[in-house]
Amino acid sequence: MSHKHKLAVIGNESSVLIFRALGTEVYPVSDARQAQEILRDLASREAEGARKIAEYAVIFVEENFYKKLPDDLLTRLAKNPLPAVVPVPSPDSKDSAFGTKRLSHIVERAVGSDILS
């Protein structure tokens, strides 16, 4: 049985709405607590009719919320192949390199080399 994984974006309403036009599920939040609750929920979902298969392949989390997620949650999620939890730049971010560094780390773990640098 084949399954098509979904993509999700968690972040401020004004910055996630553009992703809806691309067919991505969007989850607008106003604080880090909401972002954490939604991330936990999405990461625990299994594909319809398929046990042990993640519903989401990638969950993008706006940087300003990603940075406030508990380390134990990120560590637990990183141990599973799916979903990949990837920070995306926040419009008001002061650290524009954070998302790029994190993505490089994820790619390096996946392919064994930092091919983005």
PDB file of N, CA and C in Angstrom:
ATOM      1  N   MET A   1       0.839  -1.173   0.000  1.00  0.00           N
ATOM      2  CA  MET A   1       0.000   0.000   0.000  1.00  0.00           C
ATOM      3  C   MET A   1       0.888   1.242   0.000  1.00  0.00           C
ATOM      4  N   SER A   2       0.697   2.124  -0.957  1.00  0.00           N
ATOM      5  CA  SER A   2       1.486   3.344  -0.993  1.00  0.00           C
ATOM      6  C   SER A   2       0.786   4.440  -0.193  1.00  0.00           C
ATOM      7  N   HIS A   3       1.583   5.330   0.282  1.00  0.00           N
ATOM      8  CA  HIS A   3       1.058   6.427   1.096  1.00  0.00           C
ATOM      9  C   HIS A   3       1.768   7.704   0.705  1.00  0.00           C
ATOM     10  N   LYS A   4       1.000   8.771   0.587  1.00  0.00           N
ATOM     11  CA  LYS A   4       1.587  10.075   0.314  1.00  0.00           C
ATOM     12  C   LYS A   4       1.669  10.833   1.626  1.00  0.00           C
ATOM     13  N   HIS A   5       2.874  11.189   1.990  1.00  0.00           N
ATOM     14  CA  HIS A   5       3.080  11.938   3.221  1.00  0.00           C
ATOM     15  C   HIS A   5       2.664  13.389   3.035  1.00  0.00           C
ATOM     16  N   LYS A   6       2.364  14.027   4.141  1.00  0.00           N
ATOM     17  CA  LYS A   6       1.941  15.427   4.128  1.00  0.00           C
ATOM     18  C   LYS A   6       3.067  16.331   4.610  1.00  0.00           C
ATOM     19  N   LEU A   7       2.922  17.620   4.296  1.00  0.00           N
ATOM     20  CA  LEU A   7       3.812  18.662   4.801  1.00  0.00           C
ATOM     21  C   LEU A   7       2.986  19.590   5.670  1.00  0.00           C
ATOM     22  N   ALA A   8       3.598  20.103   6.735  1.00  0.00           N
ATOM     23  CA  ALA A   8       2.913  21.046   7.616  1.00  0.00           C
ATOM     24  C   ALA A   8       3.861  22.189   7.954  1.00  0.00           C
ATOM     25  N   VAL A   9       3.268  23.351   8.234  1.00  0.00           N
ATOM     26  CA  VAL A   9       4.035  24.524   8.646  1.00  0.00           C
ATOM     27  C   VAL A   9       3.379  25.084   9.903  1.00  0.00           C
ATOM     28  N   ILE A  10       4.203  25.320  10.922  1.00  0.00           N
ATOM     29  CA  ILE A  10       3.745  25.906  12.178  1.00  0.00           C
ATOM     30  C   ILE A  10       4.421  27.263  12.326  1.00  0.00           C
ATOM     31  N   GLY A  11       3.627  28.316  12.550  1.00  0.00           N
ATOM     32  CA  GLY A  11       4.225  29.642  12.722  1.00  0.00           C
ATOM     33  C   GLY A  11       3.172  30.720  12.858  1.00  0.00           C
ATOM     34  N   ASN A  12       3.628  31.965  12.839  1.00  0.00           N
ATOM     35  CA  ASN A  12       2.717  33.103  12.902  1.00  0.00           C
ATOM     36  C   ASN A  12       1.773  33.067  11.715  1.00  0.00           C
ATOM     37  N   GLU A  13       0.532  33.466  11.951  1.00  0.00           N
ATOM     38  CA  GLU A  13      -0.475  33.426  10.888  1.00  0.00           C
ATOM     39  C   GLU A  13      -0.032  34.183   9.645  1.00  0.00           C
ATOM     40  N   SER A  14       0.541  35.353   9.832  1.00  0.00           N
ATOM     41  CA  SER A  14       0.931  36.173   8.683  1.00  0.00           C
ATOM     42  C   SER A  14       2.026  35.531   7.837  1.00  0.00           C
ATOM     43  N   SER A  15       2.850  34.693   8.436  1.00  0.00           N
ATOM     44  CA  SER A  15       3.940  34.098   7.662  1.00  0.00           C
ATOM     45  C   SER A  15       3.653  32.691   7.156  1.00  0.00           C
ATOM     46  N   VAL A  16       2.641  32.005   7.689  1.00  0.00           N
ATOM     47  CA  VAL A  16       2.375  30.635   7.225  1.00  0.00           C
ATOM     48  C   VAL A  16       1.318  30.565   6.134  1.00  0.00           C
ATOM     49  N   LEU A  17       0.529  31.600   5.977  1.00  0.00           N
ATOM     50  CA  LEU A  17      -0.570  31.542   5.008  1.00  0.00           C
ATOM     51  C   LEU A  17      -0.104  31.336   3.571  1.00  0.00           C
ATOM     52  N   ILE A  18       1.063  31.848   3.228  1.00  0.00           N
ATOM     53  CA  ILE A  18       1.577  31.666   1.871  1.00  0.00           C
ATOM     54  C   ILE A  18       1.769  30.179   1.558  1.00  0.00           C
ATOM     55  N   PHE A  19       2.087  29.385   2.571  1.00  0.00           N
ATOM     56  CA  PHE A  19       2.301  27.951   2.374  1.00  0.00           C
ATOM     57  C   PHE A  19       1.003  27.223   2.039  1.00  0.00           C
ATOM     58  N   ARG A  20      -0.121  27.760   2.484  1.00  0.00           N
ATOM     59  CA  ARG A  20      -1.413  27.139   2.173  1.00  0.00           C
ATOM     60  C   ARG A  20      -1.627  27.117   0.658  1.00  0.00           C
ATOM     61  N   ALA A  21      -1.204  28.173  -0.024  1.00  0.00           N
ATOM     62  CA  ALA A  21      -1.356  28.244  -1.482  1.00  0.00           C
ATOM     63  C   ALA A  21      -0.549  27.147  -2.184  1.00  0.00           C
ATOM     64  N   LEU A  22       0.448  26.622  -1.498  1.00  0.00           N
ATOM     65  CA  LEU A  22       1.284  25.565  -2.067  1.00  0.00           C
ATOM     66  C   LEU A  22       0.766  24.169  -1.725  1.00  0.00           C
ATOM     67  N   GLY A  23      -0.375  24.106  -1.055  1.00  0.00           N
ATOM     68  CA  GLY A  23      -0.964  22.826  -0.706  1.00  0.00           C
ATOM     69  C   GLY A  23      -0.460  22.242   0.602  1.00  0.00           C
ATOM     70  N   THR A  24       0.247  23.035   1.361  1.00  0.00           N
ATOM     71  CA  THR A  24       0.771  22.604   2.649  1.00  0.00           C
ATOM     72  C   THR A  24      -0.245  22.889   3.738  1.00  0.00           C
ATOM     73  N   GLU A  25      -0.346  22.011   4.711  1.00  0.00           N
ATOM     74  CA  GLU A  25      -1.222  22.274   5.844  1.00  0.00           C
ATOM     75  C   GLU A  25      -0.543  23.298   6.742  1.00  0.00           C
ATOM     76  N   VAL A  26      -1.276  24.310   7.150  1.00  0.00           N
ATOM     77  CA  VAL A  26      -0.699  25.364   7.981  1.00  0.00           C
ATOM     78  C   VAL A  26      -1.364  25.385   9.347  1.00  0.00           C
ATOM     79  N   TYR A  27      -0.569  25.684  10.351  1.00  0.00           N
ATOM     80  CA  TYR A  27      -1.034  25.743  11.729  1.00  0.00           C
ATOM     81  C   TYR A  27      -0.546  27.050  12.341  1.00  0.00           C
ATOM     82  N   PRO A  28      -1.393  28.093  12.257  1.00  0.00           N
ATOM     83  CA  PRO A  28      -1.006  29.381  12.839  1.00  0.00           C
ATOM     84  C   PRO A  28      -1.010  29.307  14.367  1.00  0.00           C
ATOM     85  N   VAL A  29       0.029  29.848  14.975  1.00  0.00           N
ATOM     86  CA  VAL A  29       0.134  29.882  16.434  1.00  0.00           C
ATOM     87  C   VAL A  29       0.560  31.278  16.869  1.00  0.00           C
ATOM     88  N   SER A  30       0.308  31.568  18.144  1.00  0.00           N
ATOM     89  CA  SER A  30       0.693  32.882  18.658  1.00  0.00           C
ATOM     90  C   SER A  30       1.764  32.794  19.742  1.00  0.00           C
ATOM     91  N   ASP A  31       2.053  31.580  20.231  1.00  0.00           N
ATOM     92  CA  ASP A  31       3.109  31.451  21.234  1.00  0.00           C
ATOM     93  C   ASP A  31       3.765  30.073  21.146  1.00  0.00           C
ATOM     94  N   ALA A  32       4.879  29.939  21.859  1.00  0.00           N
ATOM     95  CA  ALA A  32       5.673  28.709  21.807  1.00  0.00           C
ATOM     96  C   ALA A  32       4.920  27.513  22.384  1.00  0.00           C
ATOM     97  N   ARG A  33       4.080  27.729  23.369  1.00  0.00           N
ATOM     98  CA  ARG A  33       3.314  26.632  23.971  1.00  0.00           C
ATOM     99  C   ARG A  33       2.386  26.008  22.930  1.00  0.00           C
ATOM    100  N   GLN A  34       1.696  26.836  22.164  1.00  0.00           N
ATOM    101  CA  GLN A  34       0.815  26.328  21.106  1.00  0.00           C
ATOM    102  C   GLN A  34       1.621  25.564  20.055  1.00  0.00           C
ATOM    103  N   ALA A  35       2.766  26.113  19.673  1.00  0.00           N
ATOM    104  CA  ALA A  35       3.612  25.459  18.675  1.00  0.00           C
ATOM    105  C   ALA A  35       4.039  24.078  19.160  1.00  0.00           C
ATOM    106  N   GLN A  36       4.414  23.975  20.429  1.00  0.00           N
ATOM    107  CA  GLN A  36       4.832  22.699  20.994  1.00  0.00           C
ATOM    108  C   GLN A  36       3.682  21.699  20.996  1.00  0.00           C
ATOM    109  N   GLU A  37       2.497  22.113  21.390  1.00  0.00           N
ATOM    110  CA  GLU A  37       1.341  21.211  21.426  1.00  0.00           C
ATOM    111  C   GLU A  37       0.995  20.696  20.033  1.00  0.00           C
ATOM    112  N   ILE A  38       0.987  21.599  19.058  1.00  0.00           N
ATOM    113  CA  ILE A  38       0.666  21.188  17.689  1.00  0.00           C
ATOM    114  C   ILE A  38       1.742  20.265  17.138  1.00  0.00           C
ATOM    115  N   LEU A  39       3.010  20.579  17.385  1.00  0.00           N
ATOM    116  CA  LEU A  39       4.096  19.719  16.913  1.00  0.00           C
ATOM    117  C   LEU A  39       3.972  18.322  17.500  1.00  0.00           C
ATOM    118  N   ARG A  40       3.727  18.219  18.793  1.00  0.00           N
ATOM    119  CA  ARG A  40       3.564  16.902  19.428  1.00  0.00           C
ATOM    120  C   ARG A  40       2.418  16.122  18.769  1.00  0.00           C
ATOM    121  N   ASP A  41       1.304  16.815  18.529  1.00  0.00           N
ATOM    122  CA  ASP A  41       0.148  16.167  17.916  1.00  0.00           C
ATOM    123  C   ASP A  41       0.466  15.684  16.501  1.00  0.00           C
ATOM    124  N   LEU A  42       1.030  16.558  15.677  1.00  0.00           N
ATOM    125  CA  LEU A  42       1.319  16.192  14.292  1.00  0.00           C
ATOM    126  C   LEU A  42       2.345  15.060  14.214  1.00  0.00           C
ATOM    127  N   ALA A  43       3.354  15.116  15.061  1.00  0.00           N
ATOM    128  CA  ALA A  43       4.415  14.108  15.022  1.00  0.00           C
ATOM    129  C   ALA A  43       3.915  12.736  15.471  1.00  0.00           C
ATOM    130  N   SER A  44       2.855  12.713  16.249  1.00  0.00           N
ATOM    131  CA  SER A  44       2.350  11.425  16.745  1.00  0.00           C
ATOM    132  C   SER A  44       1.313  10.793  15.816  1.00  0.00           C
ATOM    133  N   ARG A  45       0.867  11.513  14.814  1.00  0.00           N
ATOM    134  CA  ARG A  45      -0.163  10.974  13.918  1.00  0.00           C
ATOM    135  C   ARG A  45       0.402   9.917  12.986  1.00  0.00           C
ATOM    136  N   GLU A  46      -0.420   8.905  12.757  1.00  0.00           N
ATOM    137  CA  GLU A  46      -0.045   7.856  11.810  1.00  0.00           C
ATOM    138  C   GLU A  46      -0.925   7.976  10.578  1.00  0.00           C
ATOM    139  N   ALA A  47      -0.402   7.543   9.459  1.00  0.00           N
ATOM    140  CA  ALA A  47      -1.128   7.612   8.198  1.00  0.00           C
ATOM    141  C   ALA A  47      -2.416   6.807   8.286  1.00  0.00           C
ATOM    142  N   GLU A  48      -3.448   7.305   7.657  1.00  0.00           N
ATOM    143  CA  GLU A  48      -4.738   6.624   7.667  1.00  0.00           C
ATOM    144  C   GLU A  48      -4.599   5.243   7.056  1.00  0.00           C
ATOM    145  N   GLY A  49      -5.045   4.241   7.797  1.00  0.00           N
ATOM    146  CA  GLY A  49      -5.001   2.870   7.314  1.00  0.00           C
ATOM    147  C   GLY A  49      -3.623   2.234   7.360  1.00  0.00           C
ATOM    148  N   ALA A  50      -2.662   2.914   7.964  1.00  0.00           N
ATOM    149  CA  ALA A  50      -1.300   2.369   8.004  1.00  0.00           C
ATOM    150  C   ALA A  50      -0.704   2.568   9.394  1.00  0.00           C
ATOM    151  N   ARG A  51      -0.488   1.470  10.081  1.00  0.00           N
ATOM    152  CA  ARG A  51       0.124   1.558  11.405  1.00  0.00           C
ATOM    153  C   ARG A  51       1.622   1.759  11.268  1.00  0.00           C
ATOM    154  N   LYS A  52       2.142   2.567  12.148  1.00  0.00           N
ATOM    155  CA  LYS A  52       3.593   2.820  12.241  1.00  0.00           C
ATOM    156  C   LYS A  52       4.161   3.594  11.058  1.00  0.00           C
ATOM    157  N   ILE A  53       3.311   4.211  10.265  1.00  0.00           N
ATOM    158  CA  ILE A  53       3.799   5.065   9.183  1.00  0.00           C
ATOM    159  C   ILE A  53       3.375   6.486   9.511  1.00  0.00           C
ATOM    160  N   ALA A  54       4.342   7.382   9.596  1.00  0.00           N
ATOM    161  CA  ALA A  54       4.060   8.769   9.953  1.00  0.00           C
ATOM    162  C   ALA A  54       3.182   9.427   8.896  1.00  0.00           C
ATOM    163  N   GLU A  55       2.238  10.230   9.351  1.00  0.00           N
ATOM    164  CA  GLU A  55       1.362  10.951   8.427  1.00  0.00           C
ATOM    165  C   GLU A  55       2.114  12.091   7.740  1.00  0.00           C
ATOM    166  N   TYR A  56       3.042  12.712   8.467  1.00  0.00           N
ATOM    167  CA  TYR A  56       3.777  13.865   7.940  1.00  0.00           C
ATOM    168  C   TYR A  56       5.225  13.487   7.646  1.00  0.00           C
ATOM    169  N   ALA A  57       5.718  13.922   6.496  1.00  0.00           N
ATOM    170  CA  ALA A  57       7.121  13.712   6.156  1.00  0.00           C
ATOM    171  C   ALA A  57       7.968  14.825   6.746  1.00  0.00           C
ATOM    172  N   VAL A  58       7.478  16.065   6.612  1.00  0.00           N
ATOM    173  CA  VAL A  58       8.226  17.223   7.092  1.00  0.00           C
ATOM    174  C   VAL A  58       7.270  18.175   7.804  1.00  0.00           C
ATOM    175  N   ILE A  59       7.721  18.649   8.955  1.00  0.00           N
ATOM    176  CA  ILE A  59       6.991  19.688   9.679  1.00  0.00           C
ATOM    177  C   ILE A  59       7.952  20.863   9.827  1.00  0.00           C
ATOM    178  N   PHE A  60       7.622  21.943   9.138  1.00  0.00           N
ATOM    179  CA  PHE A  60       8.423  23.162   9.225  1.00  0.00           C
ATOM    180  C   PHE A  60       7.913  23.981  10.404  1.00  0.00           C
ATOM    181  N   VAL A  61       8.842  24.487  11.215  1.00  0.00           N
ATOM    182  CA  VAL A  61       8.477  25.299  12.369  1.00  0.00           C
ATOM    183  C   VAL A  61       9.236  26.616  12.270  1.00  0.00           C
ATOM    184  N   GLU A  62       8.490  27.704  12.356  1.00  0.00           N
ATOM    185  CA  GLU A  62       9.110  29.021  12.295  1.00  0.00           C
ATOM    186  C   GLU A  62      10.171  29.143  13.392  1.00  0.00           C
ATOM    187  N   GLU A  63      11.338  29.699  13.036  1.00  0.00           N
ATOM    188  CA  GLU A  63      12.503  29.764  13.926  1.00  0.00           C
ATOM    189  C   GLU A  63      12.199  30.252  15.336  1.00  0.00           C
ATOM    190  N   ASN A  64      11.450  31.338  15.441  1.00  0.00           N
ATOM    191  CA  ASN A  64      11.226  31.906  16.768  1.00  0.00           C
ATOM    192  C   ASN A  64      10.476  30.944  17.682  1.00  0.00           C
ATOM    193  N   PHE A  65       9.682  30.034  17.130  1.00  0.00           N
ATOM    194  CA  PHE A  65       9.011  29.008  17.932  1.00  0.00           C
ATOM    195  C   PHE A  65       9.910  27.778  18.101  1.00  0.00           C
ATOM    196  N   TYR A  66      10.634  27.428  17.041  1.00  0.00           N
ATOM    197  CA  TYR A  66      11.527  26.267  17.077  1.00  0.00           C
ATOM    198  C   TYR A  66      12.555  26.402  18.190  1.00  0.00           C
ATOM    199  N   LYS A  67      13.135  27.591  18.330  1.00  0.00           N
ATOM    200  CA  LYS A  67      14.172  27.831  19.335  1.00  0.00           C
ATOM    201  C   LYS A  67      13.657  27.653  20.759  1.00  0.00           C
ATOM    202  N   LYS A  68      12.353  27.742  20.949  1.00  0.00           N
ATOM    203  CA  LYS A  68      11.773  27.620  22.294  1.00  0.00           C
ATOM    204  C   LYS A  68      11.228  26.225  22.580  1.00  0.00           C
ATOM    205  N   LEU A  69      11.370  25.311  21.631  1.00  0.00           N
ATOM    206  CA  LEU A  69      10.920  23.935  21.855  1.00  0.00           C
ATOM    207  C   LEU A  69      11.873  23.232  22.822  1.00  0.00           C
ATOM    208  N   PRO A  70      11.340  22.378  23.695  1.00  0.00           N
ATOM    209  CA  PRO A  70      12.206  21.668  24.643  1.00  0.00           C
ATOM    210  C   PRO A  70      13.202  20.760  23.917  1.00  0.00           C
ATOM    211  N   ASP A  71      14.429  20.729  24.422  1.00  0.00           N
ATOM    212  CA  ASP A  71      15.466  19.890  23.825  1.00  0.00           C
ATOM    213  C   ASP A  71      15.084  18.419  23.822  1.00  0.00           C
ATOM    214  N   ASP A  72      14.415  17.957  24.889  1.00  0.00           N
ATOM    215  CA  ASP A  72      14.056  16.540  24.940  1.00  0.00           C
ATOM    216  C   ASP A  72      13.056  16.180  23.841  1.00  0.00           C
ATOM    217  N   LEU A  73      12.163  17.104  23.499  1.00  0.00           N
ATOM    218  CA  LEU A  73      11.205  16.858  22.408  1.00  0.00           C
ATOM    219  C   LEU A  73      11.942  16.776  21.075  1.00  0.00           C
ATOM    220  N   LEU A  74      12.834  17.710  20.809  1.00  0.00           N
ATOM    221  CA  LEU A  74      13.578  17.709  19.548  1.00  0.00           C
ATOM    222  C   LEU A  74      14.476  16.477  19.432  1.00  0.00           C
ATOM    223  N   THR A  75      15.075  16.074  20.545  1.00  0.00           N
ATOM    224  CA  THR A  75      15.928  14.887  20.540  1.00  0.00           C
ATOM    225  C   THR A  75      15.111  13.637  20.235  1.00  0.00           C
ATOM    226  N   ARG A  76      13.951  13.521  20.870  1.00  0.00           N
ATOM    227  CA  ARG A  76      13.081  12.356  20.638  1.00  0.00           C
ATOM    228  C   ARG A  76      12.626  12.302  19.190  1.00  0.00           C
ATOM    229  N   LEU A  77      12.217  13.439  18.641  1.00  0.00           N
ATOM    230  CA  LEU A  77      11.746  13.468  17.260  1.00  0.00           C
ATOM    231  C   LEU A  77      12.882  13.182  16.279  1.00  0.00           C
ATOM    232  N   ALA A  78      14.095  13.619  16.600  1.00  0.00           N
ATOM    233  CA  ALA A  78      15.243  13.412  15.708  1.00  0.00           C
ATOM    234  C   ALA A  78      15.641  11.941  15.602  1.00  0.00           C
ATOM    235  N   LYS A  79      15.220  11.130  16.557  1.00  0.00           N
ATOM    236  CA  LYS A  79      15.561   9.704  16.539  1.00  0.00           C
ATOM    237  C   LYS A  79      14.747   8.926  15.505  1.00  0.00           C
ATOM    238  N   ASN A  80      13.646   9.502  15.064  1.00  0.00           N
ATOM    239  CA  ASN A  80      12.790   8.838  14.073  1.00  0.00           C
ATOM    240  C   ASN A  80      13.055   9.420  12.687  1.00  0.00           C
ATOM    241  N   PRO A  81      12.960   8.593  11.660  1.00  0.00           N
ATOM    242  CA  PRO A  81      13.200   9.118  10.318  1.00  0.00           C
ATOM    243  C   PRO A  81      12.151  10.142   9.881  1.00  0.00           C
ATOM    244  N   LEU A  82      10.909   9.941  10.297  1.00  0.00           N
ATOM    245  CA  LEU A  82       9.828  10.867   9.960  1.00  0.00           C
ATOM    246  C   LEU A  82       8.988  11.139  11.188  1.00  0.00           C
ATOM    247  N   PRO A  83       8.487  12.308  11.311  1.00  0.00           N
ATOM    248  CA  PRO A  83       8.669  13.452  10.432  1.00  0.00           C
ATOM    249  C   PRO A  83       9.985  14.176  10.719  1.00  0.00           C
ATOM    250  N   ALA A  84      10.523  14.797   9.695  1.00  0.00           N
ATOM    251  CA  ALA A  84      11.664  15.683   9.882  1.00  0.00           C
ATOM    252  C   ALA A  84      11.107  17.020  10.355  1.00  0.00           C
ATOM    253  N   VAL A  85      11.669  17.546  11.415  1.00  0.00           N
ATOM    254  CA  VAL A  85      11.234  18.840  11.946  1.00  0.00           C
ATOM    255  C   VAL A  85      12.312  19.848  11.576  1.00  0.00           C
ATOM    256  N   VAL A  86      11.936  20.820  10.725  1.00  0.00           N
ATOM    257  CA  VAL A  86      12.896  21.737  10.137  1.00  0.00           C
ATOM    258  C   VAL A  86      12.521  23.180  10.457  1.00  0.00           C
ATOM    259  N   PRO A  87      13.457  23.952  11.025  1.00  0.00           N
ATOM    260  CA  PRO A  87      13.157  25.366  11.269  1.00  0.00           C
ATOM    261  C   PRO A  87      13.189  26.158   9.962  1.00  0.00           C
ATOM    262  N   VAL A  88      12.293  27.118   9.855  1.00  0.00           N
ATOM    263  CA  VAL A  88      12.296  28.029   8.707  1.00  0.00           C
ATOM    264  C   VAL A  88      12.423  29.447   9.258  1.00  0.00           C
ATOM    265  N   PRO A  89      13.037  30.335   8.507  1.00  0.00           N
ATOM    266  CA  PRO A  89      13.254  31.696   9.006  1.00  0.00           C
ATOM    267  C   PRO A  89      11.954  32.406   9.397  1.00  0.00           C
ATOM    268  N   SER A  90      12.039  33.147  10.471  1.00  0.00           N
ATOM    269  CA  SER A  90      10.940  33.999  10.901  1.00  0.00           C
ATOM    270  C   SER A  90      11.146  35.372  10.285  1.00  0.00           C
ATOM    271  N   PRO A  91      10.071  36.052   9.922  1.00  0.00           N
ATOM    272  CA  PRO A  91      10.229  37.384   9.335  1.00  0.00           C
ATOM    273  C   PRO A  91      10.981  38.356  10.241  1.00  0.00           C
ATOM    274  N   ASP A  92      10.838  38.189  11.555  1.00  0.00           N
ATOM    275  CA  ASP A  92      11.483  39.105  12.499  1.00  0.00           C
ATOM    276  C   ASP A  92      12.739  38.516  13.131  1.00  0.00           C
ATOM    277  N   SER A  93      13.296  37.475  12.534  1.00  0.00           N
ATOM    278  CA  SER A  93      14.456  36.792  13.105  1.00  0.00           C
ATOM    279  C   SER A  93      15.702  37.660  13.035  1.00  0.00           C
ATOM    280  N   LYS A  94      16.443  37.654  14.129  1.00  0.00           N
ATOM    281  CA  LYS A  94      17.721  38.375  14.190  1.00  0.00           C
ATOM    282  C   LYS A  94      18.870  37.469  13.738  1.00  0.00           C
ATOM    283  N   ASP A  95      18.657  36.168  13.817  1.00  0.00           N
ATOM    284  CA  ASP A  95      19.687  35.187  13.489  1.00  0.00           C
ATOM    285  C   ASP A  95      19.315  34.477  12.195  1.00  0.00           C
ATOM    286  N   SER A  96      19.597  35.096  11.076  1.00  0.00           N
ATOM    287  CA  SER A  96      19.176  34.548   9.784  1.00  0.00           C
ATOM    288  C   SER A  96      19.920  33.268   9.410  1.00  0.00           C
ATOM    289  N   ALA A  97      21.033  32.973  10.078  1.00  0.00           N
ATOM    290  CA  ALA A  97      21.800  31.775   9.748  1.00  0.00           C
ATOM    291  C   ALA A  97      21.338  30.552  10.530  1.00  0.00           C
ATOM    292  N   PHE A  98      20.481  30.728  11.532  1.00  0.00           N
ATOM    293  CA  PHE A  98      20.068  29.602  12.376  1.00  0.00           C
ATOM    294  C   PHE A  98      19.435  28.490  11.558  1.00  0.00           C
ATOM    295  N   GLY A  99      18.432  28.808  10.748  1.00  0.00           N
ATOM    296  CA  GLY A  99      17.740  27.800   9.953  1.00  0.00           C
ATOM    297  C   GLY A  99      18.669  27.103   8.971  1.00  0.00           C
ATOM    298  N   THR A 100      19.563  27.850   8.364  1.00  0.00           N
ATOM    299  CA  THR A 100      20.511  27.280   7.417  1.00  0.00           C
ATOM    300  C   THR A 100      21.455  26.305   8.108  1.00  0.00           C
ATOM    301  N   LYS A 101      21.952  26.688   9.286  1.00  0.00           N
ATOM    302  CA  LYS A 101      22.846  25.802  10.043  1.00  0.00           C
ATOM    303  C   LYS A 101      22.124  24.521  10.438  1.00  0.00           C
ATOM    304  N   ARG A 102      20.897  24.655  10.897  1.00  0.00           N
ATOM    305  CA  ARG A 102      20.122  23.484  11.327  1.00  0.00           C
ATOM    306  C   ARG A 102      19.843  22.566  10.147  1.00  0.00           C
ATOM    307  N   LEU A 103      19.466  23.146   9.005  1.00  0.00           N
ATOM    308  CA  LEU A 103      19.205  22.346   7.812  1.00  0.00           C
ATOM    309  C   LEU A 103      20.476  21.630   7.347  1.00  0.00           C
ATOM    310  N   SER A 104      21.620  22.315   7.405  1.00  0.00           N
ATOM    311  CA  SER A 104      22.893  21.677   7.045  1.00  0.00           C
ATOM    312  C   SER A 104      23.177  20.484   7.936  1.00  0.00           C
ATOM    313  N   HIS A 105      22.886  20.626   9.223  1.00  0.00           N
ATOM    314  CA  HIS A 105      23.087  19.527  10.172  1.00  0.00           C
ATOM    315  C   HIS A 105      22.190  18.342   9.826  1.00  0.00           C
ATOM    316  N   ILE A 106      20.938  18.613   9.487  1.00  0.00           N
ATOM    317  CA  ILE A 106      19.999  17.544   9.129  1.00  0.00           C
ATOM    318  C   ILE A 106      20.467  16.830   7.861  1.00  0.00           C
ATOM    319  N   VAL A 107      20.879  17.591   6.858  1.00  0.00           N
ATOM    320  CA  VAL A 107      21.345  16.993   5.602  1.00  0.00           C
ATOM    321  C   VAL A 107      22.610  16.184   5.841  1.00  0.00           C
ATOM    322  N   GLU A 108      23.511  16.696   6.672  1.00  0.00           N
ATOM    323  CA  GLU A 108      24.741  15.975   6.961  1.00  0.00           C
ATOM    324  C   GLU A 108      24.444  14.630   7.623  1.00  0.00           C
ATOM    325  N   ARG A 109      23.497  14.609   8.558  1.00  0.00           N
ATOM    326  CA  ARG A 109      23.103  13.346   9.200  1.00  0.00           C
ATOM    327  C   ARG A 109      22.494  12.390   8.188  1.00  0.00           C
ATOM    328  N   ALA A 110      21.726  12.924   7.241  1.00  0.00           N
ATOM    329  CA  ALA A 110      21.033  12.070   6.273  1.00  0.00           C
ATOM    330  C   ALA A 110      21.972  11.463   5.227  1.00  0.00           C
ATOM    331  N   VAL A 111      22.906  12.272   4.714  1.00  0.00           N
ATOM    332  CA  VAL A 111      23.755  11.796   3.623  1.00  0.00           C
ATOM    333  C   VAL A 111      25.205  11.546   4.025  1.00  0.00           C
ATOM    334  N   GLY A 112      25.577  11.925   5.250  1.00  0.00           N
ATOM    335  CA  GLY A 112      26.935  11.660   5.731  1.00  0.00           C
ATOM    336  C   GLY A 112      27.949  12.732   5.405  1.00  0.00           C
ATOM    337  N   SER A 113      27.497  13.804   4.759  1.00  0.00           N
ATOM    338  CA  SER A 113      28.409  14.896   4.421  1.00  0.00           C
ATOM    339  C   SER A 113      27.625  16.197   4.344  1.00  0.00           C
ATOM    340  N   ASP A 114      28.264  17.288   4.692  1.00  0.00           N
ATOM    341  CA  ASP A 114      27.614  18.594   4.630  1.00  0.00           C
ATOM    342  C   ASP A 114      27.705  19.118   3.210  1.00  0.00           C
ATOM    343  N   ILE A 115      26.720  18.788   2.394  1.00  0.00           N
ATOM    344  CA  ILE A 115      26.750  19.163   0.976  1.00  0.00           C
ATOM    345  C   ILE A 115      26.199  20.570   0.730  1.00  0.00           C
ATOM    346  N   LEU A 116      25.676  21.225   1.760  1.00  0.00           N
ATOM    347  CA  LEU A 116      25.120  22.568   1.593  1.00  0.00           C
ATOM    348  C   LEU A 116      26.137  23.675   1.819  1.00  0.00           C
ATOM    349  N   SER A 117      27.273  23.346   2.421  1.00  0.00           N
ATOM    350  CA  SER A 117      28.292  24.388   2.694  1.00  0.00           C
ATOM    351  C   SER A 117      29.201  24.572   1.525  1.00  0.00           C
TER     352      SER A 117
END
